[in-house]
Amino acid sequence: MKPISSCRAFADITHHDTRQDVTPKMVLHFGVMPGQTVSWRIAVDSDLRADKARLWLTRSISSYDHWLVPGDVIRLVRGERVWLSTDADIAAEVSLTSSYVPTGNPLGRMFSRLFVLGS
């Protein structure tokens, strides 16, 4: 099992200007390669979205496994541990979206807000 830090990832900080939600959002994009399993503990409530390929998700707070198809979104809760994998021949693309709260250096703290690696 590889930690998520071994994945290629990039982030995008956007501001959604709608009447319902004017809070800036932070979106982290990464891929899960075929045969790879990634795991981490969620540091902040986030929405996980599957794209490009079917994604297998196991959550420490649930006794069920989830198969997400491209376009599916599931809410992850701070403190839970998750495991992701794919059975596809291509990388599954994943995005995590959370509320953005600036704290000093936003890019430097971005990953520490979303992931608590190795815990």
PDB file of N, CA and C in Angstrom:
ATOM      1  N   MET A   1       0.838  -1.166   0.000  1.00  0.00           N
ATOM      2  CA  MET A   1       0.000   0.000   0.000  1.00  0.00           C
ATOM      3  C   MET A   1       0.891   1.241   0.000  1.00  0.00           C
ATOM      4  N   LYS A   2       0.664   2.146  -0.934  1.00  0.00           N
ATOM      5  CA  LYS A   2       1.468   3.356  -1.025  1.00  0.00           C
ATOM      6  C   LYS A   2       0.739   4.519  -0.366  1.00  0.00           C
ATOM      7  N   PRO A   3       1.452   5.350   0.376  1.00  0.00           N
ATOM      8  CA  PRO A   3       0.790   6.534   0.942  1.00  0.00           C
ATOM      9  C   PRO A   3       0.443   7.500  -0.172  1.00  0.00           C
ATOM     10  N   ILE A   4      -0.545   8.329   0.080  1.00  0.00           N
ATOM     11  CA  ILE A   4      -0.999   9.257  -0.945  1.00  0.00           C
ATOM     12  C   ILE A   4       0.093  10.226  -1.371  1.00  0.00           C
ATOM     13  N   SER A   5       1.102  10.432  -0.548  1.00  0.00           N
ATOM     14  CA  SER A   5       2.172  11.359  -0.907  1.00  0.00           C
ATOM     15  C   SER A   5       2.934  10.889  -2.141  1.00  0.00           C
ATOM     16  N   SER A   6       2.806   9.612  -2.522  1.00  0.00           N
ATOM     17  CA  SER A   6       3.503   9.131  -3.706  1.00  0.00           C
ATOM     18  C   SER A   6       2.710   9.399  -4.981  1.00  0.00           C
ATOM     19  N   CYS A   7       1.511   9.914  -4.862  1.00  0.00           N
ATOM     20  CA  CYS A   7       0.685  10.213  -6.030  1.00  0.00           C
ATOM     21  C   CYS A   7       1.030  11.590  -6.583  1.00  0.00           C
ATOM     22  N   ARG A   8       0.846  11.744  -7.876  1.00  0.00           N
ATOM     23  CA  ARG A   8       0.956  13.079  -8.458  1.00  0.00           C
ATOM     24  C   ARG A   8      -0.326  13.829  -8.130  1.00  0.00           C
ATOM     25  N   ALA A   9      -0.189  15.026  -7.615  1.00  0.00           N
ATOM     26  CA  ALA A   9      -1.374  15.783  -7.221  1.00  0.00           C
ATOM     27  C   ALA A   9      -1.167  17.252  -7.534  1.00  0.00           C
ATOM     28  N   PHE A  10      -2.255  17.943  -7.776  1.00  0.00           N
ATOM     29  CA  PHE A  10      -2.194  19.387  -7.887  1.00  0.00           C
ATOM     30  C   PHE A  10      -3.469  19.962  -7.309  1.00  0.00           C
ATOM     31  N   ALA A  11      -3.409  21.206  -6.907  1.00  0.00           N
ATOM     32  CA  ALA A  11      -4.554  21.825  -6.245  1.00  0.00           C
ATOM     33  C   ALA A  11      -4.997  23.061  -6.996  1.00  0.00           C
ATOM     34  N   ASP A  12      -6.226  23.405  -6.783  1.00  0.00           N
ATOM     35  CA  ASP A  12      -6.821  24.567  -7.415  1.00  0.00           C
ATOM     36  C   ASP A  12      -7.689  25.241  -6.356  1.00  0.00           C
ATOM     37  N   ILE A  13      -7.432  26.503  -6.103  1.00  0.00           N
ATOM     38  CA  ILE A  13      -8.250  27.245  -5.146  1.00  0.00           C
ATOM     39  C   ILE A  13      -9.176  28.135  -5.959  1.00  0.00           C
ATOM     40  N   THR A  14     -10.473  27.915  -5.805  1.00  0.00           N
ATOM     41  CA  THR A  14     -11.450  28.646  -6.595  1.00  0.00           C
ATOM     42  C   THR A  14     -12.449  29.322  -5.673  1.00  0.00           C
ATOM     43  N   HIS A  15     -13.133  30.290  -6.229  1.00  0.00           N
ATOM     44  CA  HIS A  15     -14.180  30.982  -5.494  1.00  0.00           C
ATOM     45  C   HIS A  15     -15.462  30.814  -6.284  1.00  0.00           C
ATOM     46  N   HIS A  16     -16.437  30.114  -5.710  1.00  0.00           N
ATOM     47  CA  HIS A  16     -17.711  29.886  -6.364  1.00  0.00           C
ATOM     48  C   HIS A  16     -18.658  31.002  -5.927  1.00  0.00           C
ATOM     49  N   ASP A  17     -18.996  31.878  -6.852  1.00  0.00           N
ATOM     50  CA  ASP A  17     -19.829  33.018  -6.518  1.00  0.00           C
ATOM     51  C   ASP A  17     -21.286  32.716  -6.861  1.00  0.00           C
ATOM     52  N   THR A  18     -21.934  31.970  -5.974  1.00  0.00           N
ATOM     53  CA  THR A  18     -23.351  31.692  -6.120  1.00  0.00           C
ATOM     54  C   THR A  18     -24.052  32.218  -4.889  1.00  0.00           C
ATOM     55  N   ARG A  19     -25.329  32.380  -4.995  1.00  0.00           N
ATOM     56  CA  ARG A  19     -26.074  32.902  -3.849  1.00  0.00           C
ATOM     57  C   ARG A  19     -26.087  31.926  -2.686  1.00  0.00           C
ATOM     58  N   GLN A  20     -26.019  30.623  -2.979  1.00  0.00           N
ATOM     59  CA  GLN A  20     -26.061  29.633  -1.918  1.00  0.00           C
ATOM     60  C   GLN A  20     -24.721  29.516  -1.191  1.00  0.00           C
ATOM     61  N   ASP A  21     -23.608  29.670  -1.923  1.00  0.00           N
ATOM     62  CA  ASP A  21     -22.305  29.399  -1.322  1.00  0.00           C
ATOM     63  C   ASP A  21     -21.271  30.373  -1.875  1.00  0.00           C
ATOM     64  N   VAL A  22     -20.802  31.286  -1.028  1.00  0.00           N
ATOM     65  CA  VAL A  22     -19.783  32.244  -1.461  1.00  0.00           C
ATOM     66  C   VAL A  22     -18.435  31.944  -0.814  1.00  0.00           C
ATOM     67  N   THR A  23     -18.320  30.763  -0.214  1.00  0.00           N
ATOM     68  CA  THR A  23     -17.074  30.355   0.432  1.00  0.00           C
ATOM     69  C   THR A  23     -16.090  29.847  -0.620  1.00  0.00           C
ATOM     70  N   PRO A  24     -14.843  30.318  -0.583  1.00  0.00           N
ATOM     71  CA  PRO A  24     -13.843  29.755  -1.507  1.00  0.00           C
ATOM     72  C   PRO A  24     -13.653  28.266  -1.225  1.00  0.00           C
ATOM     73  N   LYS A  25     -13.404  27.520  -2.285  1.00  0.00           N
ATOM     74  CA  LYS A  25     -13.200  26.075  -2.170  1.00  0.00           C
ATOM     75  C   LYS A  25     -11.781  25.722  -2.585  1.00  0.00           C
ATOM     76  N   MET A  26     -11.237  24.699  -1.964  1.00  0.00           N
ATOM     77  CA  MET A  26      -9.939  24.165  -2.342  1.00  0.00           C
ATOM     78  C   MET A  26     -10.192  22.795  -2.953  1.00  0.00           C
ATOM     79  N   VAL A  27      -9.639  22.567  -4.149  1.00  0.00           N
ATOM     80  CA  VAL A  27      -9.829  21.303  -4.840  1.00  0.00           C
ATOM     81  C   VAL A  27      -8.461  20.681  -5.087  1.00  0.00           C
ATOM     82  N   LEU A  28      -8.294  19.450  -4.648  1.00  0.00           N
ATOM     83  CA  LEU A  28      -7.067  18.699  -4.848  1.00  0.00           C
ATOM     84  C   LEU A  28      -7.376  17.585  -5.847  1.00  0.00           C
ATOM     85  N   HIS A  29      -6.592  17.508  -6.924  1.00  0.00           N
ATOM     86  CA  HIS A  29      -6.773  16.483  -7.955  1.00  0.00           C
ATOM     87  C   HIS A  29      -5.601  15.515  -7.899  1.00  0.00           C
ATOM     88  N   PHE A  30      -5.878  14.217  -7.989  1.00  0.00           N
ATOM     89  CA  PHE A  30      -4.803  13.228  -8.058  1.00  0.00           C
ATOM     90  C   PHE A  30      -5.324  11.978  -8.743  1.00  0.00           C
ATOM     91  N   GLY A  31      -4.399  11.112  -9.127  1.00  0.00           N
ATOM     92  CA  GLY A  31      -4.764   9.875  -9.796  1.00  0.00           C
ATOM     93  C   GLY A  31      -4.413   8.667  -8.947  1.00  0.00           C
ATOM     94  N   VAL A  32      -5.208   7.618  -9.094  1.00  0.00           N
ATOM     95  CA  VAL A  32      -4.925   6.338  -8.467  1.00  0.00           C
ATOM     96  C   VAL A  32      -4.624   5.370  -9.609  1.00  0.00           C
ATOM     97  N   MET A  33      -3.393   4.886  -9.651  1.00  0.00           N
ATOM     98  CA  MET A  33      -2.946   4.027 -10.729  1.00  0.00           C
ATOM     99  C   MET A  33      -3.483   2.605 -10.549  1.00  0.00           C
ATOM    100  N   PRO A  34      -3.679   1.871 -11.660  1.00  0.00           N
ATOM    101  CA  PRO A  34      -4.107   0.482 -11.552  1.00  0.00           C
ATOM    102  C   PRO A  34      -3.143  -0.315 -10.677  1.00  0.00           C
ATOM    103  N   GLY A  35      -3.672  -1.135  -9.799  1.00  0.00           N
ATOM    104  CA  GLY A  35      -2.855  -1.948  -8.904  1.00  0.00           C
ATOM    105  C   GLY A  35      -2.353  -1.208  -7.676  1.00  0.00           C
ATOM    106  N   GLN A  36      -2.630   0.076  -7.566  1.00  0.00           N
ATOM    107  CA  GLN A  36      -2.170   0.888  -6.438  1.00  0.00           C
ATOM    108  C   GLN A  36      -3.313   1.073  -5.446  1.00  0.00           C
ATOM    109  N   THR A  37      -2.999   1.030  -4.167  1.00  0.00           N
ATOM    110  CA  THR A  37      -3.962   1.371  -3.121  1.00  0.00           C
ATOM    111  C   THR A  37      -3.371   2.529  -2.334  1.00  0.00           C
ATOM    112  N   VAL A  38      -4.160   3.578  -2.153  1.00  0.00           N
ATOM    113  CA  VAL A  38      -3.705   4.720  -1.366  1.00  0.00           C
ATOM    114  C   VAL A  38      -4.587   4.825  -0.126  1.00  0.00           C
ATOM    115  N   SER A  39      -4.003   5.329   0.953  1.00  0.00           N
ATOM    116  CA  SER A  39      -4.721   5.430   2.209  1.00  0.00           C
ATOM    117  C   SER A  39      -4.279   6.687   2.942  1.00  0.00           C
ATOM    118  N   TRP A  40      -5.190   7.314   3.638  1.00  0.00           N
ATOM    119  CA  TRP A  40      -4.861   8.454   4.492  1.00  0.00           C
ATOM    120  C   TRP A  40      -6.016   8.724   5.441  1.00  0.00           C
ATOM    121  N   ARG A  41      -5.736   9.512   6.456  1.00  0.00           N
ATOM    122  CA  ARG A  41      -6.758   9.949   7.403  1.00  0.00           C
ATOM    123  C   ARG A  41      -7.210  11.341   6.973  1.00  0.00           C
ATOM    124  N   ILE A  42      -8.517  11.553   6.935  1.00  0.00           N
ATOM    125  CA  ILE A  42      -9.105  12.814   6.486  1.00  0.00           C
ATOM    126  C   ILE A  42      -8.910  13.873   7.572  1.00  0.00           C
ATOM    127  N   ALA A  43      -8.307  14.999   7.187  1.00  0.00           N
ATOM    128  CA  ALA A  43      -8.029  16.066   8.149  1.00  0.00           C
ATOM    129  C   ALA A  43      -9.110  17.142   8.165  1.00  0.00           C
ATOM    130  N   VAL A  44      -9.932  17.208   7.114  1.00  0.00           N
ATOM    131  CA  VAL A  44     -10.994  18.202   7.047  1.00  0.00           C
ATOM    132  C   VAL A  44     -12.133  17.610   6.217  1.00  0.00           C
ATOM    133  N   ASP A  45     -13.392  17.899   6.599  1.00  0.00           N
ATOM    134  CA  ASP A  45     -14.534  17.401   5.837  1.00  0.00           C
ATOM    135  C   ASP A  45     -14.344  17.734   4.359  1.00  0.00           C
ATOM    136  N   SER A  46     -14.566  16.760   3.489  1.00  0.00           N
ATOM    137  CA  SER A  46     -14.307  16.924   2.057  1.00  0.00           C
ATOM    138  C   SER A  46     -15.304  16.125   1.243  1.00  0.00           C
ATOM    139  N   ASP A  47     -15.492  16.545  -0.003  1.00  0.00           N
ATOM    140  CA  ASP A  47     -16.259  15.775  -0.973  1.00  0.00           C
ATOM    141  C   ASP A  47     -15.273  15.102  -1.909  1.00  0.00           C
ATOM    142  N   LEU A  48     -15.377  13.772  -2.060  1.00  0.00           N
ATOM    143  CA  LEU A  48     -14.525  13.017  -2.964  1.00  0.00           C
ATOM    144  C   LEU A  48     -15.323  12.722  -4.220  1.00  0.00           C
ATOM    145  N   ARG A  49     -14.730  13.015  -5.383  1.00  0.00           N
ATOM    146  CA  ARG A  49     -15.385  12.781  -6.672  1.00  0.00           C
ATOM    147  C   ARG A  49     -14.524  11.848  -7.508  1.00  0.00           C
ATOM    148  N   ALA A  50     -15.149  10.835  -8.102  1.00  0.00           N
ATOM    149  CA  ALA A  50     -14.461   9.889  -8.983  1.00  0.00           C
ATOM    150  C   ALA A  50     -14.640  10.323 -10.432  1.00  0.00           C
ATOM    151  N   ASP A  51     -13.555  10.239 -11.221  1.00  0.00           N
ATOM    152  CA  ASP A  51     -13.605  10.548 -12.648  1.00  0.00           C
ATOM    153  C   ASP A  51     -12.753   9.557 -13.421  1.00  0.00           C
ATOM    154  N   LYS A  52     -13.078   9.355 -14.674  1.00  0.00           N
ATOM    155  CA  LYS A  52     -12.323   8.549 -15.647  1.00  0.00           C
ATOM    156  C   LYS A  52     -12.450   7.049 -15.475  1.00  0.00           C
ATOM    157  N   ALA A  53     -12.498   6.531 -14.264  1.00  0.00           N
ATOM    158  CA  ALA A  53     -12.557   5.083 -14.052  1.00  0.00           C
ATOM    159  C   ALA A  53     -13.281   4.786 -12.742  1.00  0.00           C
ATOM    160  N   ARG A  54     -13.743   3.554 -12.622  1.00  0.00           N
ATOM    161  CA  ARG A  54     -14.416   3.120 -11.410  1.00  0.00           C
ATOM    162  C   ARG A  54     -13.419   3.115 -10.254  1.00  0.00           C
ATOM    163  N   LEU A  55     -13.880   3.528  -9.084  1.00  0.00           N
ATOM    164  CA  LEU A  55     -13.015   3.688  -7.918  1.00  0.00           C
ATOM    165  C   LEU A  55     -13.592   2.902  -6.750  1.00  0.00           C
ATOM    166  N   TRP A  56     -12.724   2.133  -6.091  1.00  0.00           N
ATOM    167  CA  TRP A  56     -13.121   1.380  -4.905  1.00  0.00           C
ATOM    168  C   TRP A  56     -12.746   2.210  -3.683  1.00  0.00           C
ATOM    169  N   LEU A  57     -13.671   2.375  -2.745  1.00  0.00           N
ATOM    170  CA  LEU A  57     -13.467   3.168  -1.531  1.00  0.00           C
ATOM    171  C   LEU A  57     -13.865   2.344  -0.316  1.00  0.00           C
ATOM    172  N   THR A  58     -12.955   2.253   0.641  1.00  0.00           N
ATOM    173  CA  THR A  58     -13.258   1.667   1.951  1.00  0.00           C
ATOM    174  C   THR A  58     -13.078   2.766   2.981  1.00  0.00           C
ATOM    175  N   ARG A  59     -14.020   2.870   3.908  1.00  0.00           N
ATOM    176  CA  ARG A  59     -13.993   3.907   4.950  1.00  0.00           C
ATOM    177  C   ARG A  59     -13.950   3.239   6.315  1.00  0.00           C
ATOM    178  N   SER A  60     -13.135   3.801   7.209  1.00  0.00           N
ATOM    179  CA  SER A  60     -13.036   3.236   8.558  1.00  0.00           C
ATOM    180  C   SER A  60     -14.334   3.387   9.342  1.00  0.00           C
ATOM    181  N   ILE A  61     -15.182   4.348   8.969  1.00  0.00           N
ATOM    182  CA  ILE A  61     -16.423   4.579   9.709  1.00  0.00           C
ATOM    183  C   ILE A  61     -17.592   3.767   9.159  1.00  0.00           C
ATOM    184  N   SER A  62     -17.329   2.927   8.145  1.00  0.00           N
ATOM    185  CA  SER A  62     -18.402   2.154   7.534  1.00  0.00           C
ATOM    186  C   SER A  62     -17.986   0.697   7.381  1.00  0.00           C
ATOM    187  N   SER A  63     -18.930  -0.200   7.540  1.00  0.00           N
ATOM    188  CA  SER A  63     -18.625  -1.620   7.347  1.00  0.00           C
ATOM    189  C   SER A  63     -18.823  -2.036   5.891  1.00  0.00           C
ATOM    190  N   TYR A  64     -19.167  -1.080   5.028  1.00  0.00           N
ATOM    191  CA  TYR A  64     -19.409  -1.358   3.620  1.00  0.00           C
ATOM    192  C   TYR A  64     -18.300  -0.780   2.754  1.00  0.00           C
ATOM    193  N   ASP A  65     -17.995  -1.470   1.658  1.00  0.00           N
ATOM    194  CA  ASP A  65     -17.134  -0.917   0.620  1.00  0.00           C
ATOM    195  C   ASP A  65     -18.031  -0.191  -0.374  1.00  0.00           C
ATOM    196  N   HIS A  66     -17.469   0.801  -1.047  1.00  0.00           N
ATOM    197  CA  HIS A  66     -18.226   1.579  -2.027  1.00  0.00           C
ATOM    198  C   HIS A  66     -17.521   1.482  -3.373  1.00  0.00           C
ATOM    199  N   TRP A  67     -18.269   1.278  -4.438  1.00  0.00           N
ATOM    200  CA  TRP A  67     -17.748   1.376  -5.798  1.00  0.00           C
ATOM    201  C   TRP A  67     -18.327   2.644  -6.392  1.00  0.00           C
ATOM    202  N   LEU A  68     -17.452   3.584  -6.706  1.00  0.00           N
ATOM    203  CA  LEU A  68     -17.874   4.852  -7.281  1.00  0.00           C
ATOM    204  C   LEU A  68     -17.609   4.821  -8.775  1.00  0.00           C
ATOM    205  N   VAL A  69     -18.590   5.204  -9.566  1.00  0.00           N
ATOM    206  CA  VAL A  69     -18.406   5.322 -11.011  1.00  0.00           C
ATOM    207  C   VAL A  69     -18.117   6.784 -11.322  1.00  0.00           C
ATOM    208  N   PRO A  70     -17.503   7.062 -12.477  1.00  0.00           N
ATOM    209  CA  PRO A  70     -17.192   8.460 -12.804  1.00  0.00           C
ATOM    210  C   PRO A  70     -18.408   9.363 -12.621  1.00  0.00           C
ATOM    211  N   GLY A  71     -18.183  10.454 -11.899  1.00  0.00           N
ATOM    212  CA  GLY A  71     -19.243  11.413 -11.602  1.00  0.00           C
ATOM    213  C   GLY A  71     -19.816  11.275 -10.202  1.00  0.00           C
ATOM    214  N   ASP A  72     -19.629  10.112  -9.570  1.00  0.00           N
ATOM    215  CA  ASP A  72     -20.126   9.924  -8.202  1.00  0.00           C
ATOM    216  C   ASP A  72     -19.347  10.791  -7.219  1.00  0.00           C
ATOM    217  N   VAL A  73     -20.058  11.301  -6.209  1.00  0.00           N
ATOM    218  CA  VAL A  73     -19.455  12.113  -5.156  1.00  0.00           C
ATOM    219  C   VAL A  73     -19.880  11.538  -3.815  1.00  0.00           C
ATOM    220  N   ILE A  74     -18.929  11.469  -2.885  1.00  0.00           N
ATOM    221  CA  ILE A  74     -19.239  10.987  -1.540  1.00  0.00           C
ATOM    222  C   ILE A  74     -18.601  11.931  -0.519  1.00  0.00           C
ATOM    223  N   ARG A  75     -19.296  12.202   0.555  1.00  0.00           N
ATOM    224  CA  ARG A  75     -18.815  13.102   1.612  1.00  0.00           C
ATOM    225  C   ARG A  75     -17.923  12.330   2.577  1.00  0.00           C
ATOM    226  N   LEU A  76     -16.714  12.829   2.802  1.00  0.00           N
ATOM    227  CA  LEU A  76     -15.783  12.242   3.761  1.00  0.00           C
ATOM    228  C   LEU A  76     -15.719  13.133   4.993  1.00  0.00           C
ATOM    229  N   VAL A  77     -15.617  12.515   6.146  1.00  0.00           N
ATOM    230  CA  VAL A  77     -15.695  13.227   7.419  1.00  0.00           C
ATOM    231  C   VAL A  77     -14.320  13.290   8.076  1.00  0.00           C
ATOM    232  N   ARG A  78     -14.024  14.446   8.633  1.00  0.00           N
ATOM    233  CA  ARG A  78     -12.752  14.650   9.343  1.00  0.00           C
ATOM    234  C   ARG A  78     -12.520  13.521  10.349  1.00  0.00           C
ATOM    235  N   GLY A  79     -11.299  12.973  10.326  1.00  0.00           N
ATOM    236  CA  GLY A  79     -10.926  11.948  11.281  1.00  0.00           C
ATOM    237  C   GLY A  79     -11.040  10.523  10.773  1.00  0.00           C
ATOM    238  N   GLU A  80     -11.821  10.290   9.728  1.00  0.00           N
ATOM    239  CA  GLU A  80     -11.935   8.920   9.231  1.00  0.00           C
ATOM    240  C   GLU A  80     -10.740   8.556   8.353  1.00  0.00           C
ATOM    241  N   ARG A  81     -10.439   7.272   8.272  1.00  0.00           N
ATOM    242  CA  ARG A  81      -9.390   6.772   7.383  1.00  0.00           C
ATOM    243  C   ARG A  81     -10.066   6.178   6.161  1.00  0.00           C
ATOM    244  N   VAL A  82      -9.469   6.425   4.975  1.00  0.00           N
ATOM    245  CA  VAL A  82     -10.017   5.892   3.729  1.00  0.00           C
ATOM    246  C   VAL A  82      -8.934   5.166   2.949  1.00  0.00           C
ATOM    247  N   TRP A  83      -9.372   4.213   2.136  1.00  0.00           N
ATOM    248  CA  TRP A  83      -8.498   3.484   1.215  1.00  0.00           C
ATOM    249  C   TRP A  83      -9.143   3.563  -0.153  1.00  0.00           C
ATOM    250  N   LEU A  84      -8.340   3.847  -1.192  1.00  0.00           N
ATOM    251  CA  LEU A  84      -8.827   3.942  -2.567  1.00  0.00           C
ATOM    252  C   LEU A  84      -8.028   3.030  -3.473  1.00  0.00           C
ATOM    253  N   SER A  85      -8.711   2.452  -4.460  1.00  0.00           N
ATOM    254  CA  SER A  85      -8.063   1.629  -5.466  1.00  0.00           C
ATOM    255  C   SER A  85      -8.966   1.620  -6.694  1.00  0.00           C
ATOM    256  N   THR A  86      -8.458   1.096  -7.804  1.00  0.00           N
ATOM    257  CA  THR A  86      -9.270   0.954  -9.005  1.00  0.00           C
ATOM    258  C   THR A  86      -9.014  -0.404  -9.629  1.00  0.00           C
ATOM    259  N   ASP A  87     -10.023  -0.935 -10.312  1.00  0.00           N
ATOM    260  CA  ASP A  87      -9.849  -2.182 -11.041  1.00  0.00           C
ATOM    261  C   ASP A  87      -9.745  -1.926 -12.544  1.00  0.00           C
ATOM    262  N   ALA A  88      -9.639  -0.674 -12.928  1.00  0.00           N
ATOM    263  CA  ALA A  88      -9.563  -0.295 -14.343  1.00  0.00           C
ATOM    264  C   ALA A  88      -8.136  -0.458 -14.870  1.00  0.00           C
ATOM    265  N   ASP A  89      -8.002  -0.407 -16.178  1.00  0.00           N
ATOM    266  CA  ASP A  89      -6.687  -0.468 -16.820  1.00  0.00           C
ATOM    267  C   ASP A  89      -6.051   0.917 -16.936  1.00  0.00           C
ATOM    268  N   ILE A  90      -6.797   1.941 -16.562  1.00  0.00           N
ATOM    269  CA  ILE A  90      -6.291   3.315 -16.597  1.00  0.00           C
ATOM    270  C   ILE A  90      -6.360   3.903 -15.198  1.00  0.00           C
ATOM    271  N   ALA A  91      -5.675   5.019 -15.007  1.00  0.00           N
ATOM    272  CA  ALA A  91      -5.707   5.688 -13.700  1.00  0.00           C
ATOM    273  C   ALA A  91      -7.099   6.251 -13.428  1.00  0.00           C
ATOM    274  N   ALA A  92      -7.558   6.067 -12.209  1.00  0.00           N
ATOM    275  CA  ALA A  92      -8.798   6.707 -11.771  1.00  0.00           C
ATOM    276  C   ALA A  92      -8.438   8.115 -11.329  1.00  0.00           C
ATOM    277  N   GLU A  93      -9.143   9.094 -11.834  1.00  0.00           N
ATOM    278  CA  GLU A  93      -8.912  10.469 -11.414  1.00  0.00           C
ATOM    279  C   GLU A  93      -9.835  10.780 -10.251  1.00  0.00           C
ATOM    280  N   VAL A  94      -9.266  11.435  -9.249  1.00  0.00           N
ATOM    281  CA  VAL A  94      -9.988  11.730  -8.015  1.00  0.00           C
ATOM    282  C   VAL A  94      -9.832  13.207  -7.707  1.00  0.00           C
ATOM    283  N   SER A  95     -10.886  13.820  -7.190  1.00  0.00           N
ATOM    284  CA  SER A  95     -10.759  15.188  -6.686  1.00  0.00           C
ATOM    285  C   SER A  95     -11.378  15.242  -5.297  1.00  0.00           C
ATOM    286  N   LEU A  96     -10.718  16.007  -4.424  1.00  0.00           N
ATOM    287  CA  LEU A  96     -11.216  16.268  -3.075  1.00  0.00           C
ATOM    288  C   LEU A  96     -11.499  17.757  -2.978  1.00  0.00           C
ATOM    289  N   THR A  97     -12.699  18.105  -2.556  1.00  0.00           N
ATOM    290  CA  THR A  97     -13.094  19.506  -2.442  1.00  0.00           C
ATOM    291  C   THR A  97     -13.441  19.800  -0.993  1.00  0.00           C
ATOM    292  N   SER A  98     -12.874  20.877  -0.471  1.00  0.00           N
ATOM    293  CA  SER A  98     -13.189  21.294   0.892  1.00  0.00           C
ATOM    294  C   SER A  98     -13.255  22.814   0.928  1.00  0.00           C
ATOM    295  N   SER A  99     -13.812  23.344   1.991  1.00  0.00           N
ATOM    296  CA  SER A  99     -13.836  24.796   2.171  1.00  0.00           C
ATOM    297  C   SER A  99     -12.413  25.288   2.366  1.00  0.00           C
ATOM    298  N   TYR A 100     -12.112  26.425   1.786  1.00  0.00           N
ATOM    299  CA  TYR A 100     -10.773  26.995   1.881  1.00  0.00           C
ATOM    300  C   TYR A 100     -10.731  28.028   2.998  1.00  0.00           C
ATOM    301  N   VAL A 101      -9.835  27.815   3.923  1.00  0.00           N
ATOM    302  CA  VAL A 101      -9.612  28.771   5.002  1.00  0.00           C
ATOM    303  C   VAL A 101      -8.142  29.147   4.966  1.00  0.00           C
ATOM    304  N   PRO A 102      -7.807  30.392   4.572  1.00  0.00           N
ATOM    305  CA  PRO A 102      -6.399  30.774   4.477  1.00  0.00           C
ATOM    306  C   PRO A 102      -5.714  30.744   5.839  1.00  0.00           C
ATOM    307  N   THR A 103      -4.541  30.116   5.864  1.00  0.00           N
ATOM    308  CA  THR A 103      -3.753  30.050   7.096  1.00  0.00           C
ATOM    309  C   THR A 103      -2.292  30.207   6.726  1.00  0.00           C
ATOM    310  N   GLY A 104      -1.792  31.401   6.722  1.00  0.00           N
ATOM    311  CA  GLY A 104      -0.385  31.633   6.375  1.00  0.00           C
ATOM    312  C   GLY A 104      -0.127  31.338   4.924  1.00  0.00           C
ATOM    313  N   ASN A 105       0.726  30.387   4.635  1.00  0.00           N
ATOM    314  CA  ASN A 105       1.069  29.989   3.283  1.00  0.00           C
ATOM    315  C   ASN A 105       0.052  28.961   2.788  1.00  0.00           C
ATOM    316  N   PRO A 106      -0.904  29.355   1.925  1.00  0.00           N
ATOM    317  CA  PRO A 106      -1.965  28.433   1.537  1.00  0.00           C
ATOM    318  C   PRO A 106      -1.463  27.189   0.814  1.00  0.00           C
ATOM    319  N   LEU A 107      -0.497  27.309  -0.047  1.00  0.00           N
ATOM    320  CA  LEU A 107      -0.013  26.121  -0.757  1.00  0.00           C
ATOM    321  C   LEU A 107       0.779  25.208   0.166  1.00  0.00           C
ATOM    322  N   GLY A 108       1.542  25.793   1.070  1.00  0.00           N
ATOM    323  CA  GLY A 108       2.322  24.981   1.995  1.00  0.00           C
ATOM    324  C   GLY A 108       1.466  24.207   2.974  1.00  0.00           C
ATOM    325  N   ARG A 109       0.320  24.752   3.314  1.00  0.00           N
ATOM    326  CA  ARG A 109      -0.554  24.099   4.296  1.00  0.00           C
ATOM    327  C   ARG A 109      -1.669  23.293   3.655  1.00  0.00           C
ATOM    328  N   MET A 110      -1.789  23.390   2.334  1.00  0.00           N
ATOM    329  CA  MET A 110      -2.885  22.731   1.632  1.00  0.00           C
ATOM    330  C   MET A 110      -2.936  21.241   1.925  1.00  0.00           C
ATOM    331  N   PHE A 111      -1.808  20.556   1.790  1.00  0.00           N
ATOM    332  CA  PHE A 111      -1.819  19.116   1.988  1.00  0.00           C
ATOM    333  C   PHE A 111      -2.015  18.751   3.458  1.00  0.00           C
ATOM    334  N   SER A 112      -1.488  19.542   4.359  1.00  0.00           N
ATOM    335  CA  SER A 112      -1.672  19.215   5.770  1.00  0.00           C
ATOM    336  C   SER A 112      -3.124  19.389   6.190  1.00  0.00           C
ATOM    337  N   ARG A 113      -3.866  20.261   5.511  1.00  0.00           N
ATOM    338  CA  ARG A 113      -5.285  20.426   5.811  1.00  0.00           C
ATOM    339  C   ARG A 113      -6.095  19.238   5.302  1.00  0.00           C
ATOM    340  N   LEU A 114      -5.744  18.719   4.135  1.00  0.00           N
ATOM    341  CA  LEU A 114      -6.522  17.635   3.559  1.00  0.00           C
ATOM    342  C   LEU A 114      -6.094  16.265   4.057  1.00  0.00           C
ATOM    343  N   PHE A 115      -4.794  16.093   4.322  1.00  0.00           N
ATOM    344  CA  PHE A 115      -4.304  14.770   4.677  1.00  0.00           C
ATOM    345  C   PHE A 115      -3.478  14.829   5.941  1.00  0.00           C
ATOM    346  N   VAL A 116      -3.654  13.868   6.780  1.00  0.00           N
ATOM    347  CA  VAL A 116      -2.757  13.647   7.892  1.00  0.00           C
ATOM    348  C   VAL A 116      -2.102  12.311   7.569  1.00  0.00           C
ATOM    349  N   LEU A 117      -0.953  12.374   6.898  1.00  0.00           N
ATOM    350  CA  LEU A 117      -0.315  11.175   6.397  1.00  0.00           C
ATOM    351  C   LEU A 117       0.274  10.332   7.518  1.00  0.00           C
ATOM    352  N   GLY A 118       0.146   9.061   7.357  1.00  0.00           N
ATOM    353  CA  GLY A 118       0.778   8.125   8.269  1.00  0.00           C
ATOM    354  C   GLY A 118       0.153   8.027   9.640  1.00  0.00           C
ATOM    355  N   SER A 119      -1.002   8.655   9.834  1.00  0.00           N
ATOM    356  CA  SER A 119      -1.610   8.530  11.162  1.00  0.00           C
ATOM    357  C   SER A 119      -2.668   7.460  11.169  1.00  0.00           C
TER     358      SER A 119
END
